[in-house]
Amino acid sequence: MAVKSNILKQLSKNFPNLLKKDLNKFVDIILNEIRQSLKRGERVELRGFGVFSTNIQKARISRNPKTGEKVNTPKKRTIHFKYAKDLFKKINDEG
């Protein structure tokens, strides 16, 4: 599982001349910028990795599967990720 701490360890190994606190700050800035862009409804493209975008799910009346009771579900944004062809090839050992 890739978690932030594993990413920081790998970055620290690849860039030993940078302080861990600086690497942590860099990762935080990148993740925060992705978050803020999605919040503004913007598309985030990371070449060779994929594209993050948001879709708006309309408000609707849904059903509680346990009780069958009707429930109002408000409008909300969902995050959509479309992977890059390069990433797909690397994952499937095609490249």
N, C-alpha and C. Protein backbone atom coordinates (compact mmCIF):
# COMPACT_ATOMS: atom_id res chain seq x y z
N MET A 1 0.84 -1.18 0.00
CA MET A 1 0.00 0.00 0.00
C MET A 1 0.89 1.24 0.00
N ALA A 2 0.58 2.16 -0.87
CA ALA A 2 1.34 3.41 -0.93
C ALA A 2 0.67 4.43 -0.01
N VAL A 3 1.39 4.80 1.00
CA VAL A 3 0.92 5.85 1.91
C VAL A 3 1.94 6.98 1.88
N LYS A 4 1.54 8.11 2.39
CA LYS A 4 2.40 9.29 2.34
C LYS A 4 3.78 9.01 2.95
N SER A 5 3.83 8.27 4.05
CA SER A 5 5.12 8.00 4.70
C SER A 5 6.03 7.18 3.79
N ASN A 6 5.47 6.25 3.02
CA ASN A 6 6.28 5.46 2.08
C ASN A 6 6.80 6.33 0.94
N ILE A 7 5.97 7.24 0.48
CA ILE A 7 6.39 8.16 -0.57
C ILE A 7 7.53 9.04 -0.07
N LEU A 8 7.40 9.52 1.16
CA LEU A 8 8.45 10.37 1.75
C LEU A 8 9.75 9.59 1.93
N LYS A 9 9.67 8.32 2.33
CA LYS A 9 10.88 7.49 2.48
C LYS A 9 11.59 7.33 1.14
N GLN A 10 10.80 7.06 0.08
CA GLN A 10 11.38 6.89 -1.26
C GLN A 10 12.02 8.18 -1.74
N LEU A 11 11.34 9.31 -1.53
CA LEU A 11 11.91 10.60 -1.92
C LEU A 11 13.19 10.89 -1.15
N SER A 12 13.19 10.56 0.13
CA SER A 12 14.36 10.78 0.97
C SER A 12 15.54 9.94 0.48
N LYS A 13 15.23 8.72 0.06
CA LYS A 13 16.27 7.82 -0.46
C LYS A 13 16.83 8.35 -1.78
N ASN A 14 15.95 8.86 -2.65
CA ASN A 14 16.36 9.37 -3.96
C ASN A 14 17.04 10.73 -3.89
N PHE A 15 16.68 11.53 -2.88
CA PHE A 15 17.24 12.87 -2.72
C PHE A 15 17.79 13.04 -1.30
N PRO A 16 18.90 12.38 -1.00
CA PRO A 16 19.45 12.42 0.37
C PRO A 16 19.93 13.80 0.80
N ASN A 17 20.17 14.69 -0.16
CA ASN A 17 20.65 16.04 0.19
C ASN A 17 19.53 16.96 0.66
N LEU A 18 18.26 16.54 0.51
CA LEU A 18 17.14 17.36 0.97
C LEU A 18 16.67 16.90 2.35
N LEU A 19 16.29 17.85 3.18
CA LEU A 19 15.81 17.52 4.51
C LEU A 19 14.43 16.88 4.43
N LYS A 20 14.16 15.95 5.35
CA LYS A 20 12.87 15.26 5.36
C LYS A 20 11.72 16.23 5.57
N LYS A 21 11.92 17.25 6.40
CA LYS A 21 10.84 18.21 6.64
C LYS A 21 10.54 19.01 5.38
N ASP A 22 11.57 19.28 4.55
CA ASP A 22 11.35 19.98 3.28
C ASP A 22 10.59 19.08 2.30
N LEU A 23 10.96 17.81 2.23
CA LEU A 23 10.26 16.86 1.36
C LEU A 23 8.80 16.74 1.77
N ASN A 24 8.57 16.70 3.08
CA ASN A 24 7.20 16.61 3.60
C ASN A 24 6.40 17.84 3.18
N LYS A 25 7.04 19.00 3.25
CA LYS A 25 6.38 20.25 2.86
C LYS A 25 6.05 20.23 1.36
N PHE A 26 6.99 19.73 0.53
CA PHE A 26 6.76 19.64 -0.91
C PHE A 26 5.55 18.75 -1.22
N VAL A 27 5.50 17.59 -0.58
CA VAL A 27 4.40 16.65 -0.80
C VAL A 27 3.09 17.28 -0.35
N ASP A 28 3.10 17.95 0.80
CA ASP A 28 1.89 18.62 1.30
C ASP A 28 1.41 19.71 0.34
N ILE A 29 2.34 20.47 -0.23
CA ILE A 29 1.98 21.53 -1.18
C ILE A 29 1.33 20.92 -2.42
N ILE A 30 1.92 19.85 -2.93
CA ILE A 30 1.39 19.20 -4.14
C ILE A 30 -0.01 18.64 -3.87
N LEU A 31 -0.18 17.92 -2.78
CA LEU A 31 -1.48 17.33 -2.47
C LEU A 31 -2.53 18.41 -2.20
N ASN A 32 -2.13 19.47 -1.53
CA ASN A 32 -3.05 20.57 -1.24
C ASN A 32 -3.49 21.26 -2.54
N GLU A 33 -2.55 21.45 -3.46
CA GLU A 33 -2.90 22.10 -4.73
C GLU A 33 -3.87 21.23 -5.53
N ILE A 34 -3.68 19.91 -5.51
CA ILE A 34 -4.61 19.00 -6.18
C ILE A 34 -5.99 19.13 -5.54
N ARG A 35 -6.03 19.11 -4.20
CA ARG A 35 -7.28 19.25 -3.45
C ARG A 35 -8.00 20.54 -3.79
N GLN A 36 -7.28 21.65 -3.77
CA GLN A 36 -7.87 22.97 -4.02
C GLN A 36 -8.38 23.09 -5.46
N SER A 37 -7.63 22.54 -6.41
CA SER A 37 -8.05 22.58 -7.81
C SER A 37 -9.35 21.80 -8.00
N LEU A 38 -9.45 20.63 -7.39
CA LEU A 38 -10.67 19.83 -7.50
C LEU A 38 -11.83 20.54 -6.83
N LYS A 39 -11.55 21.21 -5.72
CA LYS A 39 -12.60 21.95 -5.01
C LYS A 39 -13.15 23.08 -5.88
N ARG A 40 -12.27 23.70 -6.68
CA ARG A 40 -12.69 24.77 -7.59
C ARG A 40 -13.35 24.21 -8.86
N GLY A 41 -13.39 22.90 -8.99
CA GLY A 41 -14.00 22.27 -10.16
C GLY A 41 -13.06 22.16 -11.34
N GLU A 42 -11.77 22.37 -11.10
CA GLU A 42 -10.78 22.30 -12.17
C GLU A 42 -10.29 20.86 -12.36
N ARG A 43 -9.75 20.61 -13.51
CA ARG A 43 -9.19 19.32 -13.87
C ARG A 43 -7.71 19.33 -13.49
N VAL A 44 -7.19 18.20 -12.96
CA VAL A 44 -5.77 18.11 -12.60
C VAL A 44 -5.15 17.00 -13.44
N GLU A 45 -4.19 17.39 -14.29
CA GLU A 45 -3.53 16.41 -15.16
C GLU A 45 -2.09 16.23 -14.73
N LEU A 46 -1.73 14.98 -14.44
CA LEU A 46 -0.35 14.63 -14.13
C LEU A 46 0.13 13.74 -15.28
N ARG A 47 0.88 14.31 -16.19
CA ARG A 47 1.30 13.61 -17.40
C ARG A 47 1.97 12.29 -17.06
N GLY A 48 1.59 11.25 -17.78
CA GLY A 48 2.15 9.93 -17.56
C GLY A 48 1.52 9.19 -16.39
N PHE A 49 0.66 9.86 -15.63
CA PHE A 49 0.01 9.23 -14.48
C PHE A 49 -1.50 9.18 -14.67
N GLY A 50 -2.12 10.34 -14.86
CA GLY A 50 -3.56 10.36 -15.07
C GLY A 50 -4.16 11.72 -14.84
N VAL A 51 -5.50 11.76 -14.91
CA VAL A 51 -6.24 13.01 -14.77
C VAL A 51 -7.29 12.84 -13.68
N PHE A 52 -7.32 13.80 -12.76
CA PHE A 52 -8.36 13.88 -11.74
C PHE A 52 -9.36 14.93 -12.18
N SER A 53 -10.63 14.64 -12.05
CA SER A 53 -11.66 15.63 -12.34
C SER A 53 -12.84 15.38 -11.41
N THR A 54 -13.75 16.34 -11.38
CA THR A 54 -14.93 16.16 -10.54
C THR A 54 -16.17 16.06 -11.42
N ASN A 55 -17.11 15.27 -10.97
CA ASN A 55 -18.42 15.16 -11.61
C ASN A 55 -19.45 15.60 -10.58
N ILE A 56 -20.53 16.20 -11.04
CA ILE A 56 -21.59 16.60 -10.13
C ILE A 56 -22.70 15.55 -10.19
N GLN A 57 -23.01 15.02 -9.04
CA GLN A 57 -24.10 14.05 -8.93
C GLN A 57 -25.35 14.82 -8.49
N LYS A 58 -26.41 14.75 -9.27
CA LYS A 58 -27.62 15.51 -8.99
C LYS A 58 -28.29 15.05 -7.69
N ALA A 59 -29.03 15.96 -7.09
CA ALA A 59 -29.83 15.60 -5.91
C ALA A 59 -30.89 14.61 -6.36
N ARG A 60 -31.19 13.65 -5.51
CA ARG A 60 -32.17 12.64 -5.90
C ARG A 60 -32.80 12.03 -4.67
N ILE A 61 -33.84 11.28 -4.88
CA ILE A 61 -34.46 10.53 -3.80
C ILE A 61 -33.99 9.09 -3.95
N SER A 62 -33.28 8.60 -2.94
CA SER A 62 -32.77 7.23 -2.98
C SER A 62 -33.49 6.40 -1.92
N ARG A 63 -33.07 5.17 -1.77
CA ARG A 63 -33.75 4.26 -0.87
C ARG A 63 -32.74 3.61 0.06
N ASN A 64 -33.07 3.55 1.35
CA ASN A 64 -32.25 2.84 2.32
C ASN A 64 -32.46 1.34 2.06
N PRO A 65 -31.41 0.61 1.65
CA PRO A 65 -31.59 -0.79 1.30
C PRO A 65 -32.02 -1.68 2.47
N LYS A 66 -31.68 -1.26 3.67
CA LYS A 66 -32.03 -2.08 4.85
C LYS A 66 -33.51 -1.96 5.21
N THR A 67 -34.02 -0.71 5.16
CA THR A 67 -35.41 -0.49 5.60
C THR A 67 -36.38 -0.23 4.44
N GLY A 68 -35.84 0.11 3.28
CA GLY A 68 -36.69 0.45 2.15
C GLY A 68 -37.22 1.88 2.21
N GLU A 69 -36.85 2.61 3.25
CA GLU A 69 -37.31 3.98 3.44
C GLU A 69 -36.69 4.91 2.40
N LYS A 70 -37.47 5.86 1.88
CA LYS A 70 -36.96 6.84 0.91
C LYS A 70 -36.14 7.89 1.65
N VAL A 71 -35.01 8.26 1.05
CA VAL A 71 -34.08 9.21 1.66
C VAL A 71 -33.70 10.25 0.62
N ASN A 72 -33.70 11.53 1.02
CA ASN A 72 -33.24 12.58 0.12
C ASN A 72 -31.72 12.60 0.11
N THR A 73 -31.13 12.49 -1.07
CA THR A 73 -29.68 12.56 -1.22
C THR A 73 -29.36 13.89 -1.88
N PRO A 74 -28.60 14.76 -1.22
CA PRO A 74 -28.31 16.08 -1.79
C PRO A 74 -27.34 16.00 -2.96
N LYS A 75 -27.29 17.09 -3.72
CA LYS A 75 -26.32 17.21 -4.82
C LYS A 75 -24.91 17.15 -4.22
N LYS A 76 -24.01 16.47 -4.90
CA LYS A 76 -22.63 16.40 -4.41
C LYS A 76 -21.66 16.21 -5.55
N ARG A 77 -20.40 16.52 -5.28
CA ARG A 77 -19.32 16.30 -6.24
C ARG A 77 -18.67 14.97 -5.95
N THR A 78 -18.30 14.28 -7.02
CA THR A 78 -17.54 13.05 -6.88
C THR A 78 -16.23 13.23 -7.64
N ILE A 79 -15.21 12.50 -7.24
CA ILE A 79 -13.91 12.59 -7.90
C ILE A 79 -13.77 11.44 -8.88
N HIS A 80 -13.34 11.78 -10.07
CA HIS A 80 -13.15 10.80 -11.13
C HIS A 80 -11.67 10.78 -11.49
N PHE A 81 -11.10 9.58 -11.66
CA PHE A 81 -9.70 9.45 -12.05
C PHE A 81 -9.61 8.64 -13.32
N LYS A 82 -8.92 9.17 -14.31
CA LYS A 82 -8.70 8.46 -15.57
C LYS A 82 -7.19 8.28 -15.70
N TYR A 83 -6.74 7.04 -15.71
CA TYR A 83 -5.31 6.79 -15.76
C TYR A 83 -4.75 7.03 -17.16
N ALA A 84 -3.46 7.33 -17.22
CA ALA A 84 -2.77 7.57 -18.48
C ALA A 84 -2.42 6.23 -19.12
N LYS A 85 -2.29 6.22 -20.43
CA LYS A 85 -1.92 5.00 -21.15
C LYS A 85 -0.57 4.48 -20.69
N ASP A 86 0.37 5.40 -20.42
CA ASP A 86 1.70 4.99 -19.94
C ASP A 86 1.61 4.22 -18.63
N LEU A 87 0.79 4.71 -17.72
CA LEU A 87 0.61 4.05 -16.43
C LEU A 87 -0.02 2.68 -16.62
N PHE A 88 -1.01 2.60 -17.48
CA PHE A 88 -1.68 1.32 -17.76
C PHE A 88 -0.68 0.30 -18.30
N LYS A 89 0.17 0.74 -19.23
CA LYS A 89 1.18 -0.17 -19.81
C LYS A 89 2.17 -0.65 -18.75
N LYS A 90 2.61 0.27 -17.87
CA LYS A 90 3.59 -0.11 -16.84
C LYS A 90 2.98 -1.08 -15.84
N ILE A 91 1.72 -0.86 -15.46
CA ILE A 91 1.06 -1.75 -14.52
C ILE A 91 0.88 -3.13 -15.10
N ASN A 92 0.63 -3.20 -16.39
CA ASN A 92 0.39 -4.48 -17.06
C ASN A 92 1.62 -5.03 -17.76
N ASP A 93 2.79 -4.54 -17.40
CA ASP A 93 4.09 -5.01 -17.94
C ASP A 93 4.15 -5.00 -19.46
N GLU A 94 3.55 -3.98 -20.05
CA GLU A 94 3.58 -3.86 -21.50
C GLU A 94 4.63 -2.86 -21.96
N GLY A 95 5.29 -2.21 -21.00
CA GLY A 95 6.22 -1.18 -21.44
C GLY A 95 7.41 -1.03 -20.58
